[in-house]
N, C-alpha and C. Protein backbone atom coordinates (compact mmCIF):
# COMPACT_ATOMS: atom_id res chain seq x y z
N MET A 1 147.17 74.06 88.47
CA MET A 1 146.38 73.27 89.40
C MET A 1 145.17 74.07 89.96
N ALA A 2 145.50 75.37 90.43
CA ALA A 2 144.46 76.16 90.99
C ALA A 2 143.40 76.56 89.97
N ALA A 3 143.72 76.72 88.75
CA ALA A 3 142.71 77.10 87.73
C ALA A 3 141.84 75.85 87.54
N GLY A 4 142.25 74.60 87.59
CA GLY A 4 141.42 73.43 87.40
C GLY A 4 140.48 73.29 88.59
N ARG A 5 141.01 73.63 89.79
CA ARG A 5 140.17 73.55 90.98
C ARG A 5 139.03 74.60 90.88
N LYS A 6 139.37 75.85 90.42
CA LYS A 6 138.27 76.83 90.42
C LYS A 6 137.35 76.38 89.36
N ALA A 7 137.72 75.86 88.30
CA ALA A 7 136.74 75.36 87.16
C ALA A 7 135.78 74.36 87.81
N GLY A 8 136.44 73.41 88.64
CA GLY A 8 135.64 72.30 89.22
C GLY A 8 134.64 72.93 90.21
N TYR A 9 134.97 74.00 90.97
CA TYR A 9 134.15 74.63 91.96
C TYR A 9 132.94 75.25 91.18
N LEU A 10 133.23 75.91 90.03
CA LEU A 10 132.21 76.62 89.35
C LEU A 10 131.31 75.59 88.70
N THR A 11 131.69 74.45 88.26
CA THR A 11 130.88 73.41 87.75
C THR A 11 129.93 72.82 88.75
N ILE A 12 130.55 72.54 89.97
CA ILE A 12 129.78 72.05 91.00
C ILE A 12 128.64 73.10 91.59
N GLY A 13 129.13 74.36 91.58
CA GLY A 13 128.22 75.37 92.03
C GLY A 13 127.01 75.54 90.97
N ALA A 14 127.22 75.44 89.74
CA ALA A 14 126.32 75.66 88.76
C ALA A 14 125.37 74.43 88.63
N LEU A 15 125.71 73.25 88.99
CA LEU A 15 125.04 72.02 88.86
C LEU A 15 123.53 72.21 89.53
N PRO A 16 123.48 72.66 90.85
CA PRO A 16 122.18 72.71 91.47
C PRO A 16 121.22 73.76 90.76
N ILE A 17 121.80 74.78 90.16
CA ILE A 17 120.97 75.72 89.46
C ILE A 17 120.47 75.12 88.20
N ALA A 18 121.29 74.47 87.52
CA ALA A 18 120.86 73.76 86.25
C ALA A 18 119.81 72.76 86.42
N VAL A 19 119.98 71.98 87.56
CA VAL A 19 118.95 70.91 87.85
C VAL A 19 117.66 71.57 88.33
N ALA A 20 117.65 72.65 89.08
CA ALA A 20 116.41 73.28 89.57
C ALA A 20 115.71 73.86 88.35
N VAL A 21 116.45 74.56 87.48
CA VAL A 21 115.73 75.15 86.31
C VAL A 21 115.20 74.01 85.40
N ALA A 22 115.97 72.96 85.14
CA ALA A 22 115.47 71.86 84.41
C ALA A 22 114.28 71.07 85.03
N CYS A 23 114.26 70.89 86.25
CA CYS A 23 113.23 70.13 86.90
C CYS A 23 112.06 70.90 87.49
N GLY A 24 112.18 72.23 87.48
CA GLY A 24 111.07 73.08 88.03
C GLY A 24 109.93 73.11 87.14
N GLY A 25 108.81 72.36 87.43
CA GLY A 25 107.66 72.10 86.54
C GLY A 25 107.18 73.43 85.90
N VAL A 26 106.60 73.16 84.83
CA VAL A 26 105.94 74.31 84.06
C VAL A 26 104.47 73.93 83.86
N ALA A 27 103.57 74.89 84.27
CA ALA A 27 102.21 74.70 84.01
C ALA A 27 101.76 75.23 82.72
N GLY A 28 101.68 74.35 81.64
CA GLY A 28 101.41 74.83 80.36
C GLY A 28 100.06 74.51 79.91
N ALA A 29 99.36 73.71 80.58
CA ALA A 29 97.98 73.11 80.17
C ALA A 29 96.92 74.09 80.74
N ALA A 30 95.90 74.25 79.94
CA ALA A 30 94.66 75.05 80.39
C ALA A 30 93.91 74.28 81.40
N PRO A 31 93.36 74.89 82.43
CA PRO A 31 92.58 74.12 83.45
C PRO A 31 91.40 73.29 82.75
N GLN A 32 91.25 72.20 83.17
CA GLN A 32 90.14 71.38 82.51
C GLN A 32 89.11 71.21 83.70
N ALA A 33 87.82 71.01 83.30
CA ALA A 33 86.83 70.70 84.20
C ALA A 33 87.02 69.36 84.92
N GLN A 34 86.70 69.23 86.20
CA GLN A 34 86.91 68.01 86.94
C GLN A 34 85.70 67.01 86.50
N PRO A 35 85.95 65.88 86.16
CA PRO A 35 84.93 64.84 85.77
C PRO A 35 84.07 64.56 86.90
N GLY A 36 82.75 64.65 86.73
CA GLY A 36 81.78 64.34 87.74
C GLY A 36 81.42 65.44 88.56
N ALA A 37 82.04 66.64 88.37
CA ALA A 37 81.75 67.84 89.19
C ALA A 37 80.98 68.87 88.39
N ALA A 38 80.03 69.46 88.90
CA ALA A 38 79.07 70.45 88.10
C ALA A 38 79.83 71.71 88.08
N GLY A 39 80.24 72.19 86.99
CA GLY A 39 80.97 73.54 86.81
C GLY A 39 82.22 73.44 87.51
N ASN A 40 82.75 74.54 88.10
CA ASN A 40 84.06 74.68 88.70
C ASN A 40 83.88 74.58 90.20
N ALA A 41 82.55 74.46 90.69
CA ALA A 41 82.45 74.42 92.13
C ALA A 41 82.77 73.16 92.78
N GLN A 42 83.13 73.14 94.06
CA GLN A 42 83.59 71.94 94.76
C GLN A 42 82.19 71.37 95.26
N PRO A 43 81.95 70.08 95.11
CA PRO A 43 80.63 69.73 95.62
C PRO A 43 80.53 69.86 97.13
N GLY A 44 79.45 70.30 97.52
CA GLY A 44 79.16 70.57 99.01
C GLY A 44 79.61 71.92 99.46
N ALA A 45 80.31 72.80 98.72
CA ALA A 45 80.78 74.07 99.06
C ALA A 45 79.76 75.03 98.61
N THR A 46 79.25 75.90 99.57
CA THR A 46 78.22 76.84 99.14
C THR A 46 78.64 78.18 99.39
N ALA A 47 79.40 78.51 100.34
CA ALA A 47 79.77 79.84 100.69
C ALA A 47 81.12 80.29 100.07
N PRO A 48 81.25 81.49 99.63
CA PRO A 48 82.50 81.96 99.03
C PRO A 48 83.66 82.17 100.01
N THR A 49 83.32 82.41 101.30
CA THR A 49 84.29 82.57 102.29
C THR A 49 84.00 81.61 103.50
N GLN A 50 84.87 81.54 104.39
CA GLN A 50 84.72 80.63 105.49
C GLN A 50 83.68 81.28 106.46
N PRO A 51 82.67 80.49 106.80
CA PRO A 51 81.63 80.88 107.71
C PRO A 51 82.15 81.42 108.91
N GLY A 52 81.59 82.68 109.41
CA GLY A 52 81.97 83.18 110.71
C GLY A 52 83.08 84.20 110.48
N THR A 53 83.50 84.50 109.22
CA THR A 53 84.59 85.48 108.98
C THR A 53 84.03 86.55 108.11
N THR A 54 84.71 87.67 108.13
CA THR A 54 84.37 88.76 107.27
C THR A 54 85.65 89.23 106.59
N VAL A 55 85.55 89.56 105.29
CA VAL A 55 86.74 90.16 104.61
C VAL A 55 86.53 91.66 104.53
N VAL A 56 87.44 92.43 105.03
CA VAL A 56 87.32 93.77 104.93
C VAL A 56 88.02 94.32 103.65
N PRO A 57 87.26 95.03 102.79
CA PRO A 57 87.87 95.45 101.49
C PRO A 57 89.11 96.21 101.80
N GLY A 58 90.11 95.98 100.97
CA GLY A 58 91.37 96.77 101.10
C GLY A 58 92.38 96.25 102.02
N THR A 59 92.12 95.15 102.71
CA THR A 59 93.06 94.68 103.77
C THR A 59 93.68 93.33 103.27
N ALA A 60 93.45 92.85 102.09
CA ALA A 60 94.07 91.59 101.68
C ALA A 60 95.49 91.63 101.51
N THR A 61 96.11 92.78 101.26
CA THR A 61 97.53 92.97 101.02
C THR A 61 98.05 94.07 101.98
N GLN A 62 99.18 93.90 102.29
CA GLN A 62 99.97 94.99 103.08
C GLN A 62 100.96 95.68 102.16
N PRO A 63 100.78 96.90 101.98
CA PRO A 63 101.62 97.71 101.07
C PRO A 63 103.10 97.48 101.45
N GLY A 64 103.88 97.09 100.35
CA GLY A 64 105.31 96.86 100.60
C GLY A 64 105.78 95.41 101.03
N ALA A 65 104.72 94.70 101.53
CA ALA A 65 104.97 93.39 102.12
C ALA A 65 104.37 92.22 101.20
N THR A 66 103.44 92.58 100.45
CA THR A 66 102.73 91.44 99.45
C THR A 66 102.65 92.06 98.14
N VAL A 67 102.69 91.10 97.23
CA VAL A 67 102.45 91.51 95.90
C VAL A 67 101.41 90.57 95.30
N THR A 68 100.73 90.92 94.30
CA THR A 68 99.78 90.03 93.56
C THR A 68 100.47 88.92 92.77
N PRO A 69 99.86 87.93 92.42
CA PRO A 69 100.50 86.83 91.53
C PRO A 69 100.95 87.43 90.18
N GLN A 70 100.18 88.45 89.67
CA GLN A 70 100.64 89.05 88.41
C GLN A 70 101.85 89.84 88.54
N GLN A 71 101.96 90.65 89.64
CA GLN A 71 103.18 91.41 89.93
C GLN A 71 104.39 90.41 90.05
N ASP A 72 104.12 89.26 90.85
CA ASP A 72 105.18 88.42 91.02
C ASP A 72 105.66 87.76 89.72
N ALA A 73 104.73 87.34 88.84
CA ALA A 73 105.11 86.79 87.59
C ALA A 73 105.88 87.83 86.72
N ALA A 74 105.65 89.11 86.94
CA ALA A 74 106.41 90.16 86.17
C ALA A 74 107.75 90.44 86.82
N GLY A 75 107.94 89.86 87.95
CA GLY A 75 109.34 89.93 88.61
C GLY A 75 109.40 90.98 89.70
N ILE A 76 108.16 91.44 90.04
CA ILE A 76 108.13 92.52 91.09
C ILE A 76 108.08 91.77 92.48
N ALA A 77 109.06 92.12 93.29
CA ALA A 77 109.11 91.50 94.60
C ALA A 77 108.73 92.39 95.75
N PRO A 78 108.23 91.92 96.83
CA PRO A 78 107.82 92.72 97.98
C PRO A 78 109.15 93.58 98.35
N ALA A 79 108.81 94.82 98.86
CA ALA A 79 109.97 95.62 99.42
C ALA A 79 110.75 95.01 100.56
N THR A 80 109.98 94.08 101.27
CA THR A 80 110.61 93.47 102.39
C THR A 80 111.67 92.43 102.06
N ASP A 81 111.84 92.13 100.77
CA ASP A 81 112.82 91.14 100.25
C ASP A 81 114.23 91.77 100.23
N PHE A 82 114.36 93.05 100.45
CA PHE A 82 115.56 93.72 100.31
C PHE A 82 115.88 94.42 101.72
N GLY A 83 117.12 94.39 102.11
CA GLY A 83 117.57 94.94 103.35
C GLY A 83 118.46 94.10 104.09
N GLN A 84 118.53 94.25 105.34
CA GLN A 84 119.51 93.50 106.21
C GLN A 84 118.98 91.99 106.34
N SER A 85 117.69 91.96 106.70
CA SER A 85 117.03 90.57 106.77
C SER A 85 115.47 90.75 106.51
N ARG A 86 114.87 89.66 106.37
CA ARG A 86 113.46 89.67 106.05
C ARG A 86 112.75 88.57 106.77
N PRO A 87 111.54 88.66 107.09
CA PRO A 87 110.75 87.58 107.58
C PRO A 87 110.53 86.37 106.75
N VAL A 88 110.08 85.31 107.20
CA VAL A 88 109.75 84.14 106.41
C VAL A 88 108.75 84.52 105.55
N PRO A 89 108.85 84.36 104.19
CA PRO A 89 107.76 84.67 103.28
C PRO A 89 106.50 83.91 103.55
N GLN A 90 105.45 84.68 103.52
CA GLN A 90 104.03 84.12 103.82
C GLN A 90 103.28 84.27 102.55
N ARG A 91 103.77 83.83 101.40
CA ARG A 91 103.05 83.87 100.27
C ARG A 91 102.02 82.70 100.03
N THR A 92 100.94 83.11 99.57
CA THR A 92 99.88 82.14 99.36
C THR A 92 99.85 81.43 97.94
N TYR A 93 100.77 82.01 97.07
CA TYR A 93 100.85 81.64 95.74
C TYR A 93 102.23 81.64 95.33
N VAL A 94 102.65 80.52 94.55
CA VAL A 94 104.03 80.42 94.01
C VAL A 94 103.85 80.34 92.49
N ASN A 95 104.35 81.28 91.76
CA ASN A 95 104.27 81.26 90.28
C ASN A 95 105.04 80.17 89.68
N PRO A 96 104.59 79.51 88.69
CA PRO A 96 105.32 78.43 87.96
C PRO A 96 106.46 79.09 87.16
N ILE A 97 107.43 78.32 86.78
CA ILE A 97 108.55 78.86 85.97
C ILE A 97 107.96 79.07 84.53
N ASP A 98 108.22 80.21 84.04
CA ASP A 98 107.86 80.49 82.64
C ASP A 98 109.18 80.51 81.78
N PRO A 99 109.34 79.52 80.96
CA PRO A 99 110.51 79.28 80.18
C PRO A 99 110.81 80.55 79.23
N GLY A 100 109.70 81.19 78.80
CA GLY A 100 109.81 82.27 77.96
C GLY A 100 110.45 83.50 78.58
N ARG A 101 110.44 83.60 79.89
CA ARG A 101 110.97 84.74 80.57
C ARG A 101 112.40 84.46 81.06
N LEU A 102 112.96 83.23 80.99
CA LEU A 102 114.33 82.86 81.40
C LEU A 102 115.26 83.60 80.37
N HIS A 103 116.48 84.09 80.95
CA HIS A 103 117.29 84.76 80.13
C HIS A 103 118.70 84.61 80.76
N ALA A 104 119.73 85.12 80.08
CA ALA A 104 121.12 85.14 80.68
C ALA A 104 121.08 86.02 81.96
N PRO A 105 121.96 85.70 82.96
CA PRO A 105 121.93 86.50 84.14
C PRO A 105 122.08 87.98 83.95
N ALA A 106 121.20 88.64 84.62
CA ALA A 106 121.24 90.12 84.53
C ALA A 106 121.42 90.75 85.96
N PRO A 107 121.96 91.84 86.17
CA PRO A 107 122.13 92.49 87.53
C PRO A 107 120.72 92.69 88.22
N VAL A 108 120.61 92.24 89.46
CA VAL A 108 119.43 92.42 90.28
C VAL A 108 119.88 92.80 91.78
N LEU A 109 118.91 93.30 92.48
CA LEU A 109 119.29 93.54 93.86
C LEU A 109 119.51 92.27 94.68
N PRO A 110 120.54 92.31 95.47
CA PRO A 110 120.66 91.13 96.41
C PRO A 110 119.42 90.86 97.34
N VAL A 111 119.09 89.61 97.44
CA VAL A 111 117.81 89.29 98.28
C VAL A 111 118.38 89.21 99.67
N ALA A 112 117.64 89.72 100.63
CA ALA A 112 118.02 89.66 102.02
C ALA A 112 117.82 88.23 102.56
N PRO A 113 118.75 87.91 103.51
CA PRO A 113 118.50 86.52 104.10
C PRO A 113 117.27 86.47 104.96
N ILE A 114 116.73 85.41 105.14
CA ILE A 114 115.43 85.19 105.91
C ILE A 114 115.81 85.07 107.42
N ALA A 115 115.35 85.88 108.30
CA ALA A 115 115.55 85.72 109.64
C ALA A 115 114.63 84.54 110.18
N PRO A 116 115.13 83.55 110.88
CA PRO A 116 114.35 82.49 111.41
C PRO A 116 113.43 83.07 112.54
N ARG A 117 112.38 82.26 112.88
CA ARG A 117 111.52 82.67 113.98
C ARG A 117 112.39 82.42 115.29
N PRO A 118 111.98 83.10 116.39
CA PRO A 118 112.74 82.94 117.63
C PRO A 118 112.90 81.47 118.02
N ASN A 119 113.99 81.13 118.60
CA ASN A 119 114.20 79.75 119.12
C ASN A 119 113.82 78.76 118.20
N THR A 120 114.32 78.97 116.85
CA THR A 120 114.05 77.93 115.77
C THR A 120 115.32 77.62 114.99
N VAL A 121 115.46 76.50 114.59
CA VAL A 121 116.50 76.14 113.65
C VAL A 121 115.82 75.97 112.26
N ARG A 122 116.32 76.86 111.37
CA ARG A 122 115.68 76.83 109.99
C ARG A 122 116.73 76.54 108.88
N LEU A 123 116.48 75.51 108.15
CA LEU A 123 117.26 75.25 106.97
C LEU A 123 116.35 75.15 105.86
N GLY A 124 116.19 76.19 105.10
CA GLY A 124 115.26 76.25 103.92
C GLY A 124 113.97 76.04 104.35
N LEU A 125 113.28 75.03 103.80
CA LEU A 125 111.82 74.73 104.15
C LEU A 125 111.64 74.02 105.39
N PHE A 126 112.76 73.55 106.08
CA PHE A 126 112.71 72.83 107.29
C PHE A 126 112.85 73.72 108.47
N GLU A 127 111.91 73.66 109.47
CA GLU A 127 112.00 74.48 110.67
C GLU A 127 111.61 73.49 111.78
N THR A 128 112.44 73.70 112.87
CA THR A 128 112.16 72.93 114.12
C THR A 128 112.53 73.82 115.35
N PRO A 129 111.87 73.64 116.47
CA PRO A 129 112.34 74.23 117.71
C PRO A 129 113.66 73.82 117.98
N THR A 130 114.57 74.77 118.59
CA THR A 130 115.84 74.57 118.86
C THR A 130 115.93 73.44 120.00
N PRO A 131 116.71 72.28 119.62
CA PRO A 131 116.79 71.22 120.63
C PRO A 131 117.59 71.73 121.99
N THR A 132 117.27 71.19 123.02
CA THR A 132 117.96 71.60 124.17
C THR A 132 119.40 71.36 124.29
N TRP A 133 119.95 70.36 123.45
CA TRP A 133 121.31 70.06 123.52
C TRP A 133 122.14 71.00 122.57
N LEU A 134 121.47 71.74 121.80
CA LEU A 134 122.20 72.64 120.85
C LEU A 134 122.53 74.11 121.39
N PRO A 135 123.81 74.51 121.45
CA PRO A 135 124.08 75.72 121.98
C PRO A 135 123.53 76.86 121.17
N VAL A 136 123.14 77.94 121.75
CA VAL A 136 122.50 79.02 121.02
C VAL A 136 123.46 79.53 120.00
N GLY A 137 124.79 79.74 120.28
CA GLY A 137 125.79 80.26 119.26
C GLY A 137 125.84 79.27 118.08
N LEU A 138 125.76 77.95 118.22
CA LEU A 138 125.88 77.10 117.16
C LEU A 138 124.54 77.18 116.32
N ARG A 139 123.37 77.39 117.02
CA ARG A 139 122.12 77.56 116.30
C ARG A 139 122.10 78.79 115.46
N ASP A 140 122.70 79.86 115.92
CA ASP A 140 122.77 81.10 115.20
C ASP A 140 123.74 80.88 113.96
N GLN A 141 124.82 80.20 114.17
CA GLN A 141 125.74 79.90 113.01
C GLN A 141 124.98 79.15 111.92
N VAL A 142 124.31 78.08 112.29
CA VAL A 142 123.57 77.21 111.32
C VAL A 142 122.52 78.03 110.60
N ASN A 143 121.83 78.78 111.34
CA ASN A 143 120.72 79.67 110.75
C ASN A 143 121.33 80.68 109.81
N GLY A 144 122.41 81.33 110.21
CA GLY A 144 123.03 82.39 109.45
C GLY A 144 123.60 81.81 108.09
N MET A 145 124.31 80.74 108.22
CA MET A 145 124.92 80.04 106.96
C MET A 145 123.78 79.69 105.99
N SER A 146 122.78 78.94 106.55
CA SER A 146 121.62 78.55 105.77
C SER A 146 120.92 79.65 105.04
N ALA A 147 120.62 80.74 105.81
CA ALA A 147 119.90 81.97 105.26
C ALA A 147 120.70 82.62 104.21
N GLY A 148 122.05 82.66 104.45
CA GLY A 148 122.90 83.35 103.49
C GLY A 148 122.92 82.55 102.17
N ALA A 149 123.09 81.30 102.26
CA ALA A 149 123.11 80.45 101.06
C ALA A 149 121.75 80.57 100.32
N GLU A 150 120.78 80.48 101.07
CA GLU A 150 119.37 80.56 100.50
C GLU A 150 119.13 81.92 99.74
N ALA A 151 119.53 83.04 100.49
CA ALA A 151 119.46 84.36 99.81
C ALA A 151 120.30 84.48 98.51
N GLN A 152 121.48 83.85 98.60
CA GLN A 152 122.27 83.98 97.35
C GLN A 152 121.73 83.11 96.17
N LEU A 153 121.12 81.90 96.58
CA LEU A 153 120.52 81.23 95.34
C LEU A 153 119.25 81.90 94.92
N SER A 154 118.54 82.43 95.78
CA SER A 154 117.27 83.24 95.32
C SER A 154 117.70 84.41 94.44
N THR A 155 118.72 85.08 94.73
CA THR A 155 119.23 86.16 93.95
C THR A 155 119.63 85.64 92.65
N VAL A 156 120.33 84.57 92.49
CA VAL A 156 120.70 83.92 91.20
C VAL A 156 119.56 83.65 90.34
N PHE A 157 118.48 82.95 90.90
CA PHE A 157 117.32 82.59 90.25
C PHE A 157 116.52 83.76 89.76
N ARG A 158 116.52 84.77 90.46
CA ARG A 158 115.79 86.09 90.08
C ARG A 158 116.65 86.77 88.92
N ALA A 159 118.02 86.56 88.89
CA ALA A 159 118.87 87.14 87.92
C ALA A 159 118.65 86.53 86.52
N ILE A 160 118.12 85.34 86.58
CA ILE A 160 117.89 84.62 85.20
C ILE A 160 116.46 84.62 84.91
N GLY A 161 115.51 85.45 85.60
CA GLY A 161 114.21 85.61 85.16
C GLY A 161 113.12 84.81 85.88
N VAL A 162 113.46 84.14 86.83
CA VAL A 162 112.50 83.35 87.68
C VAL A 162 111.78 84.33 88.62
N ALA A 163 110.38 84.11 88.66
CA ALA A 163 109.66 85.04 89.55
C ALA A 163 110.09 84.95 91.03
N PRO A 164 110.01 86.04 91.67
CA PRO A 164 110.48 86.02 93.14
C PRO A 164 109.80 84.98 94.03
N SER A 165 108.62 84.72 94.00
CA SER A 165 108.05 83.69 94.83
C SER A 165 108.60 82.32 94.46
N ARG A 166 108.78 81.99 93.15
CA ARG A 166 109.38 80.70 92.75
C ARG A 166 110.89 80.70 93.13
N SER A 167 111.52 81.67 92.99
CA SER A 167 113.04 81.68 93.34
C SER A 167 113.14 81.49 94.82
N ASP A 168 112.33 82.18 95.61
CA ASP A 168 112.42 81.90 97.15
C ASP A 168 112.19 80.37 97.38
N HIS A 169 111.13 79.86 96.72
CA HIS A 169 110.73 78.45 97.02
C HIS A 169 111.89 77.52 96.54
N MET A 170 112.35 77.83 95.37
CA MET A 170 113.48 76.82 94.90
C MET A 170 114.76 77.03 95.82
N ALA A 171 115.16 78.18 96.18
CA ALA A 171 116.23 78.43 96.98
C ALA A 171 116.03 77.69 98.31
N ALA A 172 114.84 77.73 98.87
CA ALA A 172 114.61 77.12 100.27
C ALA A 172 114.62 75.60 100.11
N ALA A 173 114.20 75.09 98.91
CA ALA A 173 114.02 73.61 98.81
C ALA A 173 115.35 73.01 98.31
N THR A 174 116.45 73.82 98.03
CA THR A 174 117.67 73.26 97.57
C THR A 174 118.51 72.83 98.65
């Protein structure tokens, strides 16, 4: 009886991963020109950056905290992803799933749970200020359980070859 129950738990646990891998879109088409637009420029846009701002060379990334989309696609994660906890990822790009890179699970470093912002309830992609009726201890339990499950899912996705940005996004959305 116990063996059947364990097999059932394994099947139920593997189901979300199978669905996420099967349904996670793949960008396989080459970019096409937009009909009616001249070249690749957006009509009416003339400046390459936002007016009134300046970009200081060499400050676009923080060493150890950010990676380029190419590094992410190669499976290189920011150093902040490993440790006791990590901040909410502030990635501006999420790599698509590359079916050619998927493989059987391989050993990877465990991903650290994401620490929620102060006075916030965080369940994956959902964040809200802590309601006044919710005790602080219960909020911390909810955040801890959610962050732990999200970190474990992200670790599993990375173990099968999903890029770190996509694995974080899929884990948070599950």
